[in-house]
N, C-alpha and C. Protein backbone atom coordinates (compact mmCIF):
# COMPACT_ATOMS: atom_id res chain seq x y z
N MET A 1 124.23 243.92 -9.11
CA MET A 1 123.39 244.05 -11.25
C MET A 1 124.64 243.10 -11.95
N ARG A 2 125.99 243.39 -11.50
CA ARG A 2 127.11 242.18 -11.87
C ARG A 2 126.77 241.24 -12.05
N GLN A 3 126.23 240.46 -10.18
CA GLN A 3 126.39 239.02 -10.24
C GLN A 3 125.29 238.58 -10.90
N LEU A 4 123.75 239.26 -11.01
CA LEU A 4 123.18 238.63 -12.03
C LEU A 4 123.78 238.37 -13.27
N THR A 5 124.22 239.30 -13.79
CA THR A 5 124.73 238.85 -14.98
C THR A 5 125.57 238.02 -15.73
N ILE A 6 126.16 237.87 -14.26
CA ILE A 6 127.65 236.58 -14.54
C ILE A 6 126.80 235.83 -14.25
N ALA A 7 126.04 236.06 -13.09
CA ALA A 7 124.94 233.52 -13.65
C ALA A 7 123.90 233.76 -14.70
N LEU A 8 123.26 234.47 -15.47
CA LEU A 8 123.27 234.70 -16.34
C LEU A 8 123.53 234.10 -17.52
N LEU A 9 125.12 234.91 -18.05
CA LEU A 9 125.83 234.22 -18.83
C LEU A 9 125.96 232.56 -18.57
N LEU A 10 126.08 232.07 -17.31
CA LEU A 10 126.90 231.07 -17.13
C LEU A 10 125.95 230.04 -17.31
N VAL A 11 124.10 230.36 -16.88
CA VAL A 11 123.06 229.90 -17.52
C VAL A 11 123.15 229.18 -18.43
N LEU A 12 123.28 230.43 -19.67
CA LEU A 12 123.70 230.35 -21.23
C LEU A 12 124.54 229.38 -21.32
N GLY A 13 125.24 229.69 -20.72
CA GLY A 13 126.90 228.50 -20.76
C GLY A 13 126.51 226.97 -20.80
N LEU A 14 125.49 226.88 -19.69
CA LEU A 14 125.66 225.15 -19.78
C LEU A 14 124.56 225.16 -20.82
N THR A 15 123.48 225.77 -21.22
CA THR A 15 122.08 225.32 -21.73
C THR A 15 122.48 224.92 -23.10
N LEU A 16 124.00 225.97 -24.19
CA LEU A 16 124.25 225.76 -24.90
C LEU A 16 125.15 224.48 -25.39
N SER A 17 125.31 223.79 -24.33
CA SER A 17 126.91 223.18 -24.23
C SER A 17 125.99 221.70 -23.88
N ALA A 18 124.99 222.30 -23.57
CA ALA A 18 124.20 220.58 -23.32
C ALA A 18 123.12 220.52 -24.50
N CYS A 19 123.08 221.43 -25.81
CA CYS A 19 122.47 221.20 -27.02
C CYS A 19 123.82 220.70 -27.66
N GLY A 20 124.66 220.77 -27.58
CA GLY A 20 125.94 219.69 -28.82
C GLY A 20 126.28 218.97 -28.71
N GLY A 21 125.72 217.97 -28.08
CA GLY A 21 125.52 216.40 -28.43
C GLY A 21 125.02 216.18 -29.43
N SER A 22 125.09 215.28 -30.15
CA SER A 22 124.74 214.84 -31.46
C SER A 22 124.05 213.15 -31.79
N GLY A 23 124.81 212.69 -30.97
CA GLY A 23 123.90 211.12 -29.97
C GLY A 23 124.54 210.57 -31.11
N ASN A 24 125.48 210.43 -32.04
CA ASN A 24 125.82 209.56 -32.71
C ASN A 24 126.75 208.77 -32.78
N ASN A 25 127.75 208.28 -31.88
CA ASN A 25 128.36 208.42 -31.45
C ASN A 25 129.72 208.18 -32.06
N SER A 26 129.54 209.80 -31.97
CA SER A 26 131.15 210.80 -32.37
C SER A 26 132.37 210.01 -32.47
N ASN A 27 133.02 209.98 -33.15
CA ASN A 27 134.93 209.20 -32.98
C ASN A 27 134.99 207.82 -33.08
N ASN A 28 133.55 207.21 -34.12
CA ASN A 28 134.09 206.08 -33.90
C ASN A 28 132.52 205.66 -35.08
N VAL A 29 132.67 204.36 -35.56
CA VAL A 29 131.66 203.67 -36.65
C VAL A 29 130.46 202.93 -35.94
N ASN A 30 130.61 202.88 -34.67
CA ASN A 30 129.40 202.21 -33.79
C ASN A 30 127.79 202.52 -34.48
N GLY A 31 127.45 201.19 -34.41
CA GLY A 31 126.15 201.08 -34.89
C GLY A 31 126.15 200.19 -35.82
N ASN A 32 123.99 200.40 -36.19
CA ASN A 32 124.12 199.90 -37.57
C ASN A 32 123.78 200.58 -38.39
N TRP A 33 124.34 199.86 -39.91
CA TRP A 33 124.04 200.63 -41.13
C TRP A 33 124.04 200.00 -42.43
N THR A 34 123.36 200.07 -42.95
CA THR A 34 122.56 200.04 -44.78
C THR A 34 123.68 200.20 -45.61
N ALA A 35 124.58 199.00 -46.58
CA ALA A 35 124.85 199.82 -47.51
C ALA A 35 124.38 199.20 -48.87
N MET A 36 125.20 199.74 -49.98
CA MET A 36 124.58 200.13 -50.95
C MET A 36 126.08 200.07 -52.58
N LEU A 37 125.63 199.18 -53.09
CA LEU A 37 126.63 198.91 -53.66
C LEU A 37 126.68 198.96 -55.01
N THR A 38 127.39 199.78 -55.95
CA THR A 38 126.92 200.19 -57.41
C THR A 38 128.30 199.84 -58.42
N ASN A 39 128.16 199.01 -60.09
CA ASN A 39 128.60 199.01 -60.39
C ASN A 39 129.48 200.06 -60.95
N THR A 40 130.38 199.53 -61.37
CA THR A 40 130.66 200.50 -62.30
C THR A 40 130.41 201.53 -63.29
N ASP A 41 129.34 200.90 -63.68
CA ASP A 41 128.35 201.86 -64.79
C ASP A 41 127.09 202.25 -64.45
N GLY A 42 127.38 202.00 -62.64
CA GLY A 42 125.71 202.53 -62.25
C GLY A 42 124.82 201.60 -61.77
N THR A 43 125.26 200.42 -61.81
CA THR A 43 123.87 199.25 -61.79
C THR A 43 123.65 198.98 -60.47
N PRO A 44 123.00 198.69 -59.80
CA PRO A 44 122.90 197.92 -58.34
C PRO A 44 123.57 196.29 -58.71
N ALA A 45 125.14 196.31 -57.85
CA ALA A 45 125.52 195.30 -57.44
C ALA A 45 125.27 193.82 -56.21
N PHE A 46 124.94 194.75 -55.22
CA PHE A 46 124.57 194.32 -54.15
C PHE A 46 124.01 195.43 -53.06
N SER A 47 123.23 194.81 -51.97
CA SER A 47 122.71 195.46 -50.65
C SER A 47 123.19 194.87 -49.36
N PHE A 48 123.61 195.52 -48.87
CA PHE A 48 123.45 194.58 -46.95
C PHE A 48 123.50 195.69 -45.99
N THR A 49 123.16 195.03 -44.97
CA THR A 49 123.05 195.69 -43.37
C THR A 49 124.11 195.12 -42.76
N THR A 50 124.79 195.64 -41.99
CA THR A 50 124.85 194.95 -40.65
C THR A 50 125.75 195.31 -39.42
N SER A 51 126.30 195.89 -38.37
CA SER A 51 126.22 196.61 -37.36
C SER A 51 127.92 196.30 -36.88
N LEU A 52 128.21 197.32 -36.64
CA LEU A 52 129.70 197.37 -36.80
C LEU A 52 129.67 198.29 -35.65
N SER A 53 130.81 197.65 -34.35
CA SER A 53 131.85 198.14 -33.40
C SER A 53 133.55 198.14 -33.46
N GLN A 54 133.54 199.70 -33.58
CA GLN A 54 134.55 200.07 -32.98
C GLN A 54 135.53 200.00 -31.84
N SER A 55 136.13 198.67 -31.31
CA SER A 55 135.95 198.46 -29.71
C SER A 55 137.86 199.03 -28.97
N ASN A 56 138.47 198.94 -30.31
CA ASN A 56 140.01 199.37 -29.57
C ASN A 56 140.39 199.49 -31.13
N GLY A 57 141.07 201.14 -30.79
CA GLY A 57 142.03 201.82 -31.32
C GLY A 57 141.25 201.63 -32.71
N THR A 58 141.51 201.59 -33.75
CA THR A 58 140.91 202.12 -35.15
C THR A 58 140.24 200.18 -35.57
N VAL A 59 140.63 199.91 -34.69
CA VAL A 59 140.00 198.34 -35.36
C VAL A 59 138.43 198.13 -35.46
N VAL A 60 137.91 197.50 -36.85
CA VAL A 60 136.47 197.82 -36.79
C VAL A 60 135.73 195.78 -36.90
N THR A 61 134.69 195.31 -36.26
CA THR A 61 134.53 193.96 -36.82
C THR A 61 132.73 194.53 -37.34
N GLY A 62 132.52 193.29 -37.51
CA GLY A 62 131.45 193.34 -37.88
C GLY A 62 130.33 192.60 -37.64
N THR A 63 129.07 192.12 -37.55
CA THR A 63 128.57 191.12 -37.33
C THR A 63 126.48 192.16 -37.24
N ASN A 64 126.00 190.11 -37.51
CA ASN A 64 124.47 190.60 -38.29
C ASN A 64 124.97 191.01 -39.47
N LEU A 65 125.61 190.46 -40.30
CA LEU A 65 125.31 190.64 -41.99
C LEU A 65 124.53 189.64 -42.79
N THR A 66 123.15 190.92 -43.44
CA THR A 66 122.55 190.60 -43.18
C THR A 66 122.56 190.56 -45.17
N PHE A 67 122.22 189.78 -46.69
CA PHE A 67 122.89 190.37 -47.72
C PHE A 67 121.53 190.85 -48.42
N THR A 68 120.60 191.65 -48.52
CA THR A 68 119.35 191.87 -48.91
C THR A 68 119.64 191.98 -50.57
N THR A 69 119.76 191.47 -51.34
CA THR A 69 120.28 191.01 -52.34
C THR A 69 120.61 189.92 -52.67
N SER A 70 120.41 189.43 -53.44
CA SER A 70 120.40 187.60 -53.45
C SER A 70 122.01 187.31 -54.28
N SER A 71 122.96 186.48 -54.10
CA SER A 71 123.96 186.62 -54.10
C SER A 71 124.58 185.30 -53.72
N PRO A 72 125.08 184.37 -55.45
CA PRO A 72 126.22 183.08 -54.28
C PRO A 72 126.93 183.51 -54.11
N CYS A 73 127.74 184.80 -54.12
CA CYS A 73 129.09 184.76 -53.51
C CYS A 73 129.42 184.76 -52.21
N PHE A 74 127.44 184.76 -51.50
CA PHE A 74 127.62 184.95 -50.18
C PHE A 74 127.37 184.74 -50.01
N ALA A 75 126.58 183.22 -49.55
CA ALA A 75 125.69 182.71 -49.26
C ALA A 75 125.28 182.05 -47.52
N SER A 76 125.64 182.03 -46.63
CA SER A 76 126.44 182.41 -44.99
C SER A 76 127.46 181.84 -44.38
N GLY A 77 127.80 182.53 -43.76
CA GLY A 77 128.89 182.17 -42.81
C GLY A 77 129.88 183.56 -42.86
N SER A 78 128.91 184.53 -43.44
CA SER A 78 130.39 185.57 -44.22
C SER A 78 131.07 185.90 -42.50
N THR A 79 132.67 186.61 -42.58
CA THR A 79 132.95 187.39 -41.29
C THR A 79 132.99 189.31 -41.97
N GLU A 80 133.91 189.67 -41.52
CA GLU A 80 133.90 191.05 -41.35
C GLU A 80 134.77 191.54 -40.25
N THR A 81 136.11 192.44 -40.96
CA THR A 81 136.56 192.68 -40.18
C THR A 81 137.34 194.09 -41.26
N GLY A 82 138.00 195.12 -40.03
CA GLY A 82 138.39 196.08 -40.82
C GLY A 82 138.87 197.56 -39.76
N GLY A 83 138.42 198.27 -40.24
CA GLY A 83 139.24 199.11 -39.53
C GLY A 83 138.85 201.11 -40.12
N PHE A 84 138.78 202.06 -38.92
CA PHE A 84 138.75 202.93 -38.75
C PHE A 84 139.75 204.12 -38.64
N THR A 85 140.64 205.40 -39.13
CA THR A 85 140.82 206.46 -38.28
C THR A 85 140.09 207.63 -38.85
N LEU A 86 139.62 207.85 -37.42
CA LEU A 86 139.77 209.23 -37.15
C LEU A 86 140.06 210.78 -37.54
N THR A 87 139.78 211.22 -38.80
CA THR A 87 140.40 212.40 -39.21
C THR A 87 140.34 213.60 -38.59
N GLY A 88 138.66 213.87 -38.14
CA GLY A 88 137.95 214.88 -37.22
C GLY A 88 136.71 215.09 -36.85
N ASN A 89 136.72 215.96 -35.99
CA ASN A 89 135.49 216.15 -35.39
C ASN A 89 135.25 217.12 -35.35
N THR A 90 134.46 218.29 -35.52
CA THR A 90 134.22 220.50 -36.08
C THR A 90 132.87 220.31 -35.73
N GLY A 91 132.30 220.24 -35.00
CA GLY A 91 130.65 221.16 -34.92
C GLY A 91 130.11 219.63 -34.46
N GLY A 92 130.74 218.89 -34.35
CA GLY A 92 130.04 217.30 -34.13
C GLY A 92 129.77 216.55 -35.50
N VAL A 93 130.43 216.43 -36.86
CA VAL A 93 131.14 216.22 -37.79
C VAL A 93 132.46 215.37 -37.67
N THR A 94 131.71 214.75 -37.59
CA THR A 94 132.92 213.49 -37.31
C THR A 94 133.15 212.25 -38.66
N THR A 95 134.69 212.58 -39.17
CA THR A 95 135.10 212.60 -40.70
C THR A 95 135.96 211.81 -40.08
N GLY A 96 136.68 210.56 -41.64
CA GLY A 96 137.74 210.07 -41.19
C GLY A 96 137.53 209.00 -42.70
N ASN A 97 138.98 207.67 -42.41
CA ASN A 97 139.23 206.96 -42.80
C ASN A 97 138.30 205.26 -42.99
N PHE A 98 137.86 204.87 -43.82
CA PHE A 98 136.85 203.35 -42.97
C PHE A 98 137.33 202.53 -44.40
N GLU A 99 137.84 201.31 -43.82
CA GLU A 99 137.92 200.19 -44.37
C GLU A 99 136.93 199.10 -44.27
N LEU A 100 136.85 197.86 -44.62
CA LEU A 100 135.96 196.75 -44.83
C LEU A 100 136.31 195.71 -45.34
N THR A 101 136.30 194.22 -44.51
CA THR A 101 136.51 193.14 -45.86
C THR A 101 135.67 192.22 -45.42
N ILE A 102 134.50 192.11 -46.49
CA ILE A 102 134.21 190.65 -46.30
C ILE A 102 134.54 189.58 -46.66
N GLN A 103 134.49 188.28 -45.73
CA GLN A 103 135.03 186.90 -46.63
C GLN A 103 134.03 185.96 -46.64
N SER A 104 133.11 185.78 -47.72
CA SER A 104 132.87 184.55 -47.40
C SER A 104 133.01 183.54 -47.06
N GLY A 105 131.71 182.77 -45.94
CA GLY A 105 131.59 181.59 -45.58
C GLY A 105 131.74 180.14 -46.46
N THR A 106 130.51 180.71 -47.05
CA THR A 106 129.84 178.96 -47.98
C THR A 106 129.48 180.09 -49.24
N PRO A 107 130.06 179.71 -50.68
CA PRO A 107 131.05 179.28 -50.61
C PRO A 107 132.28 180.50 -50.43
N SER A 108 133.81 179.40 -49.68
CA SER A 108 134.49 180.19 -49.43
C SER A 108 135.79 180.08 -50.56
N GLY A 109 136.24 181.84 -50.48
CA GLY A 109 136.44 182.10 -51.12
C GLY A 109 136.69 183.69 -52.36
N ASN A 110 135.29 183.97 -51.17
CA ASN A 110 134.96 185.16 -52.26
C ASN A 110 135.53 186.29 -51.20
N VAL A 111 135.97 187.28 -51.41
CA VAL A 111 136.10 188.09 -50.61
C VAL A 111 135.72 189.61 -51.10
N LEU A 112 135.41 190.79 -50.87
CA LEU A 112 134.68 191.71 -50.44
C LEU A 112 135.65 192.82 -49.96
N THR A 113 135.66 194.07 -50.65
CA THR A 113 136.61 194.71 -50.22
C THR A 113 136.18 195.77 -50.22
N ILE A 114 135.52 196.93 -49.41
CA ILE A 114 135.26 198.26 -49.49
C ILE A 114 136.05 199.42 -48.61
N GLN A 115 136.15 200.46 -48.98
CA GLN A 115 137.01 201.58 -48.92
C GLN A 115 136.72 203.09 -49.12
N GLY A 116 136.53 203.42 -47.78
CA GLY A 116 136.28 205.04 -48.24
C GLY A 116 136.08 205.94 -47.22
N THR A 117 135.22 207.32 -46.86
CA THR A 117 135.57 207.84 -45.79
C THR A 117 133.81 208.47 -45.78
N LEU A 118 134.06 208.06 -44.68
CA LEU A 118 133.42 208.24 -43.07
C LEU A 118 133.24 210.55 -43.05
N ASN A 119 132.20 210.52 -43.50
CA ASN A 119 131.26 212.05 -42.98
C ASN A 119 129.79 211.84 -42.22
N ASN A 120 129.89 211.59 -40.62
CA ASN A 120 128.74 212.50 -40.11
C ASN A 120 128.48 210.49 -40.59
N ASN A 121 127.41 210.98 -40.83
CA ASN A 121 126.28 209.75 -40.96
C ASN A 121 126.44 208.54 -41.78
N MET A 122 127.14 208.73 -42.93
CA MET A 122 127.41 208.49 -44.27
C MET A 122 128.77 208.00 -44.66
N ILE A 123 129.29 206.69 -45.19
CA ILE A 123 130.48 206.09 -45.91
C ILE A 123 130.35 206.05 -46.83
N SER A 124 131.02 206.44 -47.65
CA SER A 124 131.24 206.68 -49.09
C SER A 124 132.73 206.35 -49.93
N GLY A 125 132.34 205.87 -50.66
CA GLY A 125 133.90 204.90 -51.51
C GLY A 125 133.57 204.12 -53.07
N THR A 126 135.08 203.72 -53.12
CA THR A 126 134.78 201.98 -54.04
C THR A 126 134.57 201.21 -53.71
N TRP A 127 134.76 200.00 -54.15
CA TRP A 127 135.04 198.81 -53.87
C TRP A 127 135.44 197.37 -54.86
N THR A 128 135.43 196.43 -54.00
CA THR A 128 135.63 195.86 -54.84
C THR A 128 135.71 193.63 -54.63
N LEU A 129 135.38 192.75 -55.62
CA LEU A 129 134.60 191.82 -55.17
C LEU A 129 136.02 191.07 -55.64
N SER A 130 136.79 189.83 -55.22
CA SER A 130 137.82 189.12 -55.92
C SER A 130 136.82 187.45 -55.11
N GLY A 131 136.79 187.26 -56.48
CA GLY A 131 136.47 185.49 -55.48
C GLY A 131 136.60 183.90 -56.95
N VAL A 132 136.04 183.21 -55.68
CA VAL A 132 136.25 181.62 -56.76
C VAL A 132 135.48 181.87 -57.43
N THR A 133 134.33 181.78 -56.96
CA THR A 133 132.80 182.28 -57.68
C THR A 133 132.85 182.10 -58.53
N SER A 134 131.72 181.03 -59.62
CA SER A 134 131.73 182.09 -60.84
C SER A 134 130.71 183.28 -61.05
N GLY A 135 131.28 184.74 -61.64
CA GLY A 135 130.37 186.14 -61.28
C GLY A 135 130.89 186.52 -60.01
N CYS A 136 131.73 185.97 -59.19
CA CYS A 136 132.64 187.43 -57.71
C CYS A 136 133.10 187.86 -57.98
N THR A 137 133.65 188.57 -59.20
CA THR A 137 134.65 189.93 -59.58
C THR A 137 133.84 190.89 -59.57
N GLY A 138 133.80 191.47 -59.15
CA GLY A 138 133.55 193.26 -59.65
C GLY A 138 134.49 194.10 -59.02
N SER A 139 133.87 195.34 -59.99
CA SER A 139 133.98 197.36 -58.36
C SER A 139 134.13 197.99 -59.23
N GLY A 140 133.05 199.12 -58.14
CA GLY A 140 132.41 200.04 -58.53
C GLY A 140 132.66 201.03 -57.14
N ASN A 141 130.96 201.31 -56.76
CA ASN A 141 130.83 202.93 -56.04
C ASN A 141 129.52 202.41 -54.71
N PHE A 142 130.07 202.93 -53.11
CA PHE A 142 129.50 202.18 -52.05
C PHE A 142 129.08 203.49 -51.40
N THR A 143 128.29 203.39 -51.15
CA THR A 143 127.60 204.58 -50.22
C THR A 143 126.78 203.62 -49.00
N MET A 144 127.10 203.96 -47.21
CA MET A 144 126.41 203.62 -46.55
C MET A 144 126.02 203.99 -45.71
N ASN A 145 125.16 204.30 -45.16
CA ASN A 145 124.36 204.65 -43.79
C ASN A 145 123.79 204.21 -42.94
N ARG A 146 124.19 205.08 -41.74
CA ARG A 146 124.05 204.92 -39.70
C ARG A 146 122.23 204.90 -40.35
N MET A 147 121.55 203.78 -39.45
CA MET A 147 120.50 204.02 -39.07
C MET A 147 119.85 204.16 -38.30
């Protein structure tokens, strides 16, 4: 009887541990993201999609950046670099500090900086835009969601 109880507990433990995986790239920001940026007054500013990859330590690179709102600030050829520092992973929920800088290719000289906090599959925080193109300055809040 004791052996049967131990065997059942072992099977139960293995079954529960198999359910613990979240499949959401825990401990990093790898994946496809969509972002919505609002001005300080709450009106929409920008939205974009991107693929983020954290390949070495805290370094984050972005590819496939597509602004889904028309903007003279980021016409084409923008680059993305950033960082992510894990602060916790409890019960399958990953948290950490995130930053991303997007530099315009054409026209050159515009820089969008976002800083926030990852909470599992959502990043939220603040953004600032500085630039040389007319109308390419501002600040506000943002949310990014893993797709």
